Amino acid sequence: MCHNFFIMSKFSERLKELREEKGLSQRDLAKATGISQNAITCWETEKSLPIANAIITLAGFFDVTTDYLLGVTDN
């Protein structure tokens, strides 16, 4: 349980940070990735975690690894 909380917290933090670094709103990110704005909101507020396909899509969009996005690594 604690491990899942850490992953959710780190993922939420990194998603929001990456989005804001690109100057994107949640709506902009949703349009650019085909992921719903509601899902992005839920992820950034730690209400849920995305499925693997969404993590891969976001990592590709932001040009980071999935491990970075999930907080497993710092690069």
PDB file of N, CA and C in Angstrom:
ATOM      1  N   MET A   1       0.820  -1.208   0.000  1.00  0.00           N
ATOM      2  CA  MET A   1       0.000   0.000   0.000  1.00  0.00           C
ATOM      3  C   MET A   1       0.860   1.266   0.000  1.00  0.00           C
ATOM      4  N   CYS A   2       1.891   1.300   0.834  1.00  0.00           N
ATOM      5  CA  CYS A   2       2.755   2.483   0.889  1.00  0.00           C
ATOM      6  C   CYS A   2       3.459   2.704  -0.440  1.00  0.00           C
ATOM      7  N   HIS A   3       3.883   1.625  -1.086  1.00  0.00           N
ATOM      8  CA  HIS A   3       4.565   1.733  -2.375  1.00  0.00           C
ATOM      9  C   HIS A   3       3.636   2.360  -3.415  1.00  0.00           C
ATOM     10  N   ASN A   4       2.387   1.939  -3.438  1.00  0.00           N
ATOM     11  CA  ASN A   4       1.426   2.508  -4.386  1.00  0.00           C
ATOM     12  C   ASN A   4       1.197   3.984  -4.127  1.00  0.00           C
ATOM     13  N   PHE A   5       1.165   4.376  -2.854  1.00  0.00           N
ATOM     14  CA  PHE A   5       0.979   5.783  -2.520  1.00  0.00           C
ATOM     15  C   PHE A   5       2.161   6.596  -3.028  1.00  0.00           C
ATOM     16  N   PHE A   6       3.382   6.062  -2.857  1.00  0.00           N
ATOM     17  CA  PHE A   6       4.573   6.768  -3.330  1.00  0.00           C
ATOM     18  C   PHE A   6       4.523   6.952  -4.841  1.00  0.00           C
ATOM     19  N   ILE A   7       4.187   5.893  -5.553  1.00  0.00           N
ATOM     20  CA  ILE A   7       4.109   5.967  -7.013  1.00  0.00           C
ATOM     21  C   ILE A   7       3.053   6.983  -7.437  1.00  0.00           C
ATOM     22  N   MET A   8       1.886   6.953  -6.806  1.00  0.00           N
ATOM     23  CA  MET A   8       0.816   7.876  -7.165  1.00  0.00           C
ATOM     24  C   MET A   8       1.252   9.311  -6.895  1.00  0.00           C
ATOM     25  N   SER A   9       1.873   9.535  -5.759  1.00  0.00           N
ATOM     26  CA  SER A   9       2.316  10.875  -5.394  1.00  0.00           C
ATOM     27  C   SER A   9       3.381  11.387  -6.355  1.00  0.00           C
ATOM     28  N   LYS A  10       4.374  10.565  -6.653  1.00  0.00           N
ATOM     29  CA  LYS A  10       5.447  10.964  -7.553  1.00  0.00           C
ATOM     30  C   LYS A  10       4.925  11.179  -8.967  1.00  0.00           C
ATOM     31  N   PHE A  11       4.073  10.264  -9.433  1.00  0.00           N
ATOM     32  CA  PHE A  11       3.507  10.401 -10.768  1.00  0.00           C
ATOM     33  C   PHE A  11       2.727  11.708 -10.882  1.00  0.00           C
ATOM     34  N   SER A  12       1.883  11.976  -9.905  1.00  0.00           N
ATOM     35  CA  SER A  12       1.074  13.204  -9.919  1.00  0.00           C
ATOM     36  C   SER A  12       1.953  14.444  -9.975  1.00  0.00           C
ATOM     37  N   GLU A  13       2.981  14.444  -9.151  1.00  0.00           N
ATOM     38  CA  GLU A  13       3.906  15.573  -9.081  1.00  0.00           C
ATOM     39  C   GLU A  13       4.639  15.771 -10.410  1.00  0.00           C
ATOM     40  N   ARG A  14       5.137  14.689 -10.966  1.00  0.00           N
ATOM     41  CA  ARG A  14       5.913  14.804 -12.209  1.00  0.00           C
ATOM     42  C   ARG A  14       5.035  15.144 -13.399  1.00  0.00           C
ATOM     43  N   LEU A  15       3.846  14.594 -13.455  1.00  0.00           N
ATOM     44  CA  LEU A  15       2.940  14.920 -14.555  1.00  0.00           C
ATOM     45  C   LEU A  15       2.629  16.416 -14.556  1.00  0.00           C
ATOM     46  N   LYS A  16       2.274  16.936 -13.414  1.00  0.00           N
ATOM     47  CA  LYS A  16       1.942  18.356 -13.325  1.00  0.00           C
ATOM     48  C   LYS A  16       3.162  19.218 -13.652  1.00  0.00           C
ATOM     49  N   GLU A  17       4.322  18.834 -13.131  1.00  0.00           N
ATOM     50  CA  GLU A  17       5.553  19.581 -13.382  1.00  0.00           C
ATOM     51  C   GLU A  17       5.887  19.603 -14.880  1.00  0.00           C
ATOM     52  N   LEU A  18       5.836  18.459 -15.519  1.00  0.00           N
ATOM     53  CA  LEU A  18       6.140  18.377 -16.949  1.00  0.00           C
ATOM     54  C   LEU A  18       5.135  19.178 -17.776  1.00  0.00           C
ATOM     55  N   ARG A  19       3.873  19.074 -17.417  1.00  0.00           N
ATOM     56  CA  ARG A  19       2.821  19.811 -18.127  1.00  0.00           C
ATOM     57  C   ARG A  19       3.059  21.314 -18.012  1.00  0.00           C
ATOM     58  N   GLU A  20       3.322  21.781 -16.799  1.00  0.00           N
ATOM     59  CA  GLU A  20       3.518  23.208 -16.579  1.00  0.00           C
ATOM     60  C   GLU A  20       4.804  23.718 -17.232  1.00  0.00           C
ATOM     61  N   GLU A  21       5.857  22.874 -17.261  1.00  0.00           N
ATOM     62  CA  GLU A  21       7.101  23.274 -17.936  1.00  0.00           C
ATOM     63  C   GLU A  21       6.874  23.543 -19.419  1.00  0.00           C
ATOM     64  N   LYS A  22       5.923  22.824 -20.015  1.00  0.00           N
ATOM     65  CA  LYS A  22       5.596  23.033 -21.433  1.00  0.00           C
ATOM     66  C   LYS A  22       4.567  24.145 -21.612  1.00  0.00           C
ATOM     67  N   GLY A  23       4.102  24.724 -20.511  1.00  0.00           N
ATOM     68  CA  GLY A  23       3.129  25.802 -20.584  1.00  0.00           C
ATOM     69  C   GLY A  23       1.755  25.334 -21.027  1.00  0.00           C
ATOM     70  N   LEU A  24       1.421  24.084 -20.707  1.00  0.00           N
ATOM     71  CA  LEU A  24       0.144  23.504 -21.125  1.00  0.00           C
ATOM     72  C   LEU A  24      -0.871  23.480 -19.996  1.00  0.00           C
ATOM     73  N   SER A  25      -2.103  23.724 -20.340  1.00  0.00           N
ATOM     74  CA  SER A  25      -3.193  23.488 -19.395  1.00  0.00           C
ATOM     75  C   SER A  25      -3.527  22.001 -19.460  1.00  0.00           C
ATOM     76  N   GLN A  26      -4.324  21.544 -18.528  1.00  0.00           N
ATOM     77  CA  GLN A  26      -4.778  20.150 -18.587  1.00  0.00           C
ATOM     78  C   GLN A  26      -5.551  19.917 -19.881  1.00  0.00           C
ATOM     79  N   ARG A  27      -6.312  20.889 -20.284  1.00  0.00           N
ATOM     80  CA  ARG A  27      -7.089  20.776 -21.522  1.00  0.00           C
ATOM     81  C   ARG A  27      -6.174  20.645 -22.743  1.00  0.00           C
ATOM     82  N   ASP A  28      -5.105  21.453 -22.765  1.00  0.00           N
ATOM     83  CA  ASP A  28      -4.135  21.382 -23.863  1.00  0.00           C
ATOM     84  C   ASP A  28      -3.493  19.998 -23.928  1.00  0.00           C
ATOM     85  N   LEU A  29      -3.102  19.483 -22.759  1.00  0.00           N
ATOM     86  CA  LEU A  29      -2.473  18.167 -22.708  1.00  0.00           C
ATOM     87  C   LEU A  29      -3.443  17.088 -23.176  1.00  0.00           C
ATOM     88  N   ALA A  30      -4.679  17.216 -22.784  1.00  0.00           N
ATOM     89  CA  ALA A  30      -5.697  16.254 -23.207  1.00  0.00           C
ATOM     90  C   ALA A  30      -5.834  16.249 -24.730  1.00  0.00           C
ATOM     91  N   LYS A  31      -5.909  17.420 -25.317  1.00  0.00           N
ATOM     92  CA  LYS A  31      -6.034  17.514 -26.777  1.00  0.00           C
ATOM     93  C   LYS A  31      -4.811  16.952 -27.492  1.00  0.00           C
ATOM     94  N   ALA A  32      -3.631  17.221 -26.938  1.00  0.00           N
ATOM     95  CA  ALA A  32      -2.390  16.794 -27.586  1.00  0.00           C
ATOM     96  C   ALA A  32      -2.154  15.286 -27.501  1.00  0.00           C
ATOM     97  N   THR A  33      -2.694  14.659 -26.460  1.00  0.00           N
ATOM     98  CA  THR A  33      -2.431  13.234 -26.237  1.00  0.00           C
ATOM     99  C   THR A  33      -3.622  12.327 -26.513  1.00  0.00           C
ATOM    100  N   GLY A  34      -4.813  12.898 -26.622  1.00  0.00           N
ATOM    101  CA  GLY A  34      -6.001  12.079 -26.798  1.00  0.00           C
ATOM    102  C   GLY A  34      -6.489  11.457 -25.502  1.00  0.00           C
ATOM    103  N   ILE A  35      -5.957  11.928 -24.395  1.00  0.00           N
ATOM    104  CA  ILE A  35      -6.360  11.464 -23.065  1.00  0.00           C
ATOM    105  C   ILE A  35      -7.373  12.476 -22.523  1.00  0.00           C
ATOM    106  N   SER A  36      -8.377  12.013 -21.845  1.00  0.00           N
ATOM    107  CA  SER A  36      -9.407  12.943 -21.374  1.00  0.00           C
ATOM    108  C   SER A  36      -8.864  13.893 -20.304  1.00  0.00           C
ATOM    109  N   GLN A  37      -9.380  15.104 -20.317  1.00  0.00           N
ATOM    110  CA  GLN A  37      -8.987  16.087 -19.313  1.00  0.00           C
ATOM    111  C   GLN A  37      -9.373  15.596 -17.928  1.00  0.00           C
ATOM    112  N   ASN A  38     -10.489  14.920 -17.811  1.00  0.00           N
ATOM    113  CA  ASN A  38     -10.923  14.390 -16.521  1.00  0.00           C
ATOM    114  C   ASN A  38      -9.901  13.400 -15.963  1.00  0.00           C
ATOM    115  N   ALA A  39      -9.369  12.539 -16.830  1.00  0.00           N
ATOM    116  CA  ALA A  39      -8.352  11.580 -16.387  1.00  0.00           C
ATOM    117  C   ALA A  39      -7.107  12.313 -15.895  1.00  0.00           C
ATOM    118  N   ILE A  40      -6.663  13.312 -16.634  1.00  0.00           N
ATOM    119  CA  ILE A  40      -5.478  14.075 -16.248  1.00  0.00           C
ATOM    120  C   ILE A  40      -5.699  14.756 -14.904  1.00  0.00           C
ATOM    121  N   THR A  41      -6.873  15.324 -14.706  1.00  0.00           N
ATOM    122  CA  THR A  41      -7.208  15.950 -13.429  1.00  0.00           C
ATOM    123  C   THR A  41      -7.146  14.929 -12.297  1.00  0.00           C
ATOM    124  N   CYS A  42      -7.721  13.767 -12.505  1.00  0.00           N
ATOM    125  CA  CYS A  42      -7.705  12.713 -11.476  1.00  0.00           C
ATOM    126  C   CYS A  42      -6.282  12.281 -11.148  1.00  0.00           C
ATOM    127  N   TRP A  43      -5.435  12.171 -12.151  1.00  0.00           N
ATOM    128  CA  TRP A  43      -4.050  11.757 -11.924  1.00  0.00           C
ATOM    129  C   TRP A  43      -3.272  12.834 -11.171  1.00  0.00           C
ATOM    130  N   GLU A  44      -3.463  14.081 -11.544  1.00  0.00           N
ATOM    131  CA  GLU A  44      -2.721  15.165 -10.890  1.00  0.00           C
ATOM    132  C   GLU A  44      -3.191  15.406  -9.459  1.00  0.00           C
ATOM    133  N   THR A  45      -4.389  15.013  -9.141  1.00  0.00           N
ATOM    134  CA  THR A  45      -4.913  15.183  -7.784  1.00  0.00           C
ATOM    135  C   THR A  45      -4.852  13.890  -6.984  1.00  0.00           C
ATOM    136  N   GLU A  46      -4.124  12.909  -7.502  1.00  0.00           N
ATOM    137  CA  GLU A  46      -3.875  11.641  -6.825  1.00  0.00           C
ATOM    138  C   GLU A  46      -5.148  10.841  -6.536  1.00  0.00           C
ATOM    139  N   LYS A  47      -6.149  10.984  -7.388  1.00  0.00           N
ATOM    140  CA  LYS A  47      -7.386  10.220  -7.207  1.00  0.00           C
ATOM    141  C   LYS A  47      -7.318   8.866  -7.875  1.00  0.00           C
ATOM    142  N   SER A  48      -6.437   8.737  -8.878  1.00  0.00           N
ATOM    143  CA  SER A  48      -6.279   7.450  -9.550  1.00  0.00           C
ATOM    144  C   SER A  48      -4.951   7.434 -10.297  1.00  0.00           C
ATOM    145  N   LEU A  49      -4.550   6.235 -10.700  1.00  0.00           N
ATOM    146  CA  LEU A  49      -3.356   6.055 -11.525  1.00  0.00           C
ATOM    147  C   LEU A  49      -3.788   5.650 -12.928  1.00  0.00           C
ATOM    148  N   PRO A  50      -3.025   6.054 -13.927  1.00  0.00           N
ATOM    149  CA  PRO A  50      -3.372   5.697 -15.306  1.00  0.00           C
ATOM    150  C   PRO A  50      -3.033   4.252 -15.626  1.00  0.00           C
ATOM    151  N   ILE A  51      -3.630   3.763 -16.698  1.00  0.00           N
ATOM    152  CA  ILE A  51      -3.271   2.441 -17.198  1.00  0.00           C
ATOM    153  C   ILE A  51      -1.932   2.564 -17.927  1.00  0.00           C
ATOM    154  N   ALA A  52      -1.317   1.424 -18.165  1.00  0.00           N
ATOM    155  CA  ALA A  52       0.017   1.393 -18.776  1.00  0.00           C
ATOM    156  C   ALA A  52       0.069   2.158 -20.094  1.00  0.00           C
ATOM    157  N   ASN A  53      -0.924   1.987 -20.934  1.00  0.00           N
ATOM    158  CA  ASN A  53      -0.932   2.654 -22.239  1.00  0.00           C
ATOM    159  C   ASN A  53      -0.885   4.174 -22.094  1.00  0.00           C
ATOM    160  N   ALA A  54      -1.577   4.716 -21.119  1.00  0.00           N
ATOM    161  CA  ALA A  54      -1.572   6.164 -20.896  1.00  0.00           C
ATOM    162  C   ALA A  54      -0.203   6.629 -20.393  1.00  0.00           C
ATOM    163  N   ILE A  55       0.428   5.835 -19.538  1.00  0.00           N
ATOM    164  CA  ILE A  55       1.763   6.176 -19.044  1.00  0.00           C
ATOM    165  C   ILE A  55       2.751   6.224 -20.205  1.00  0.00           C
ATOM    166  N   ILE A  56       2.662   5.253 -21.088  1.00  0.00           N
ATOM    167  CA  ILE A  56       3.539   5.209 -22.259  1.00  0.00           C
ATOM    168  C   ILE A  56       3.286   6.417 -23.162  1.00  0.00           C
ATOM    169  N   THR A  57       2.033   6.748 -23.377  1.00  0.00           N
ATOM    170  CA  THR A  57       1.671   7.910 -24.201  1.00  0.00           C
ATOM    171  C   THR A  57       2.241   9.191 -23.607  1.00  0.00           C
ATOM    172  N   LEU A  58       2.068   9.377 -22.313  1.00  0.00           N
ATOM    173  CA  LEU A  58       2.568  10.587 -21.658  1.00  0.00           C
ATOM    174  C   LEU A  58       4.088  10.651 -21.664  1.00  0.00           C
ATOM    175  N   ALA A  59       4.746   9.536 -21.414  1.00  0.00           N
ATOM    176  CA  ALA A  59       6.210   9.509 -21.436  1.00  0.00           C
ATOM    177  C   ALA A  59       6.721   9.889 -22.825  1.00  0.00           C
ATOM    178  N   GLY A  60       6.089   9.351 -23.858  1.00  0.00           N
ATOM    179  CA  GLY A  60       6.474   9.704 -25.221  1.00  0.00           C
ATOM    180  C   GLY A  60       6.236  11.164 -25.523  1.00  0.00           C
ATOM    181  N   PHE A  61       5.112  11.682 -25.093  1.00  0.00           N
ATOM    182  CA  PHE A  61       4.779  13.083 -25.344  1.00  0.00           C
ATOM    183  C   PHE A  61       5.802  14.010 -24.684  1.00  0.00           C
ATOM    184  N   PHE A  62       6.164  13.700 -23.435  1.00  0.00           N
ATOM    185  CA  PHE A  62       7.102  14.556 -22.698  1.00  0.00           C
ATOM    186  C   PHE A  62       8.567  14.186 -22.930  1.00  0.00           C
ATOM    187  N   ASP A  63       8.803  13.127 -23.714  1.00  0.00           N
ATOM    188  CA  ASP A  63      10.157  12.666 -24.012  1.00  0.00           C
ATOM    189  C   ASP A  63      10.930  12.317 -22.738  1.00  0.00           C
ATOM    190  N   VAL A  64      10.275  11.572 -21.858  1.00  0.00           N
ATOM    191  CA  VAL A  64      10.894  11.049 -20.644  1.00  0.00           C
ATOM    192  C   VAL A  64      10.626   9.547 -20.590  1.00  0.00           C
ATOM    193  N   THR A  65      11.321   8.854 -19.708  1.00  0.00           N
ATOM    194  CA  THR A  65      11.059   7.427 -19.565  1.00  0.00           C
ATOM    195  C   THR A  65       9.831   7.208 -18.688  1.00  0.00           C
ATOM    196  N   THR A  66       9.243   6.053 -18.842  1.00  0.00           N
ATOM    197  CA  THR A  66       8.114   5.717 -17.965  1.00  0.00           C
ATOM    198  C   THR A  66       8.588   5.615 -16.524  1.00  0.00           C
ATOM    199  N   ASP A  67       9.808   5.131 -16.313  1.00  0.00           N
ATOM    200  CA  ASP A  67      10.353   5.052 -14.957  1.00  0.00           C
ATOM    201  C   ASP A  67      10.463   6.439 -14.333  1.00  0.00           C
ATOM    202  N   TYR A  68      10.887   7.425 -15.108  1.00  0.00           N
ATOM    203  CA  TYR A  68      10.959   8.787 -14.592  1.00  0.00           C
ATOM    204  C   TYR A  68       9.564   9.293 -14.220  1.00  0.00           C
ATOM    205  N   LEU A  69       8.638   9.098 -15.112  1.00  0.00           N
ATOM    206  CA  LEU A  69       7.274   9.574 -14.893  1.00  0.00           C
ATOM    207  C   LEU A  69       6.659   8.954 -13.634  1.00  0.00           C
ATOM    208  N   LEU A  70       6.987   7.692 -13.383  1.00  0.00           N
ATOM    209  CA  LEU A  70       6.461   6.994 -12.200  1.00  0.00           C
ATOM    210  C   LEU A  70       7.277   7.240 -10.930  1.00  0.00           C
ATOM    211  N   GLY A  71       8.399   7.937 -11.057  1.00  0.00           N
ATOM    212  CA  GLY A  71       9.205   8.219  -9.880  1.00  0.00           C
ATOM    213  C   GLY A  71      10.175   7.123  -9.495  1.00  0.00           C
ATOM    214  N   VAL A  72      10.372   6.154 -10.409  1.00  0.00           N
ATOM    215  CA  VAL A  72      11.310   5.066 -10.137  1.00  0.00           C
ATOM    216  C   VAL A  72      12.752   5.550 -10.271  1.00  0.00           C
ATOM    217  N   THR A  73      12.992   6.436 -11.239  1.00  0.00           N
ATOM    218  CA  THR A  73      14.313   7.037 -11.435  1.00  0.00           C
ATOM    219  C   THR A  73      14.159   8.547 -11.473  1.00  0.00           C
ATOM    220  N   ASP A  74      15.294   9.215 -11.372  1.00  0.00           N
ATOM    221  CA  ASP A  74      15.289  10.684 -11.412  1.00  0.00           C
ATOM    222  C   ASP A  74      15.787  11.247 -12.728  1.00  0.00           C
ATOM    223  N   ASN A  75      15.900  10.382 -13.739  1.00  0.00           N
ATOM    224  CA  ASN A  75      16.313  10.891 -15.056  1.00  0.00           C
ATOM    225  C   ASN A  75      15.694  10.082 -16.157  1.00  0.00           C
TER     226      ASN A  75
END
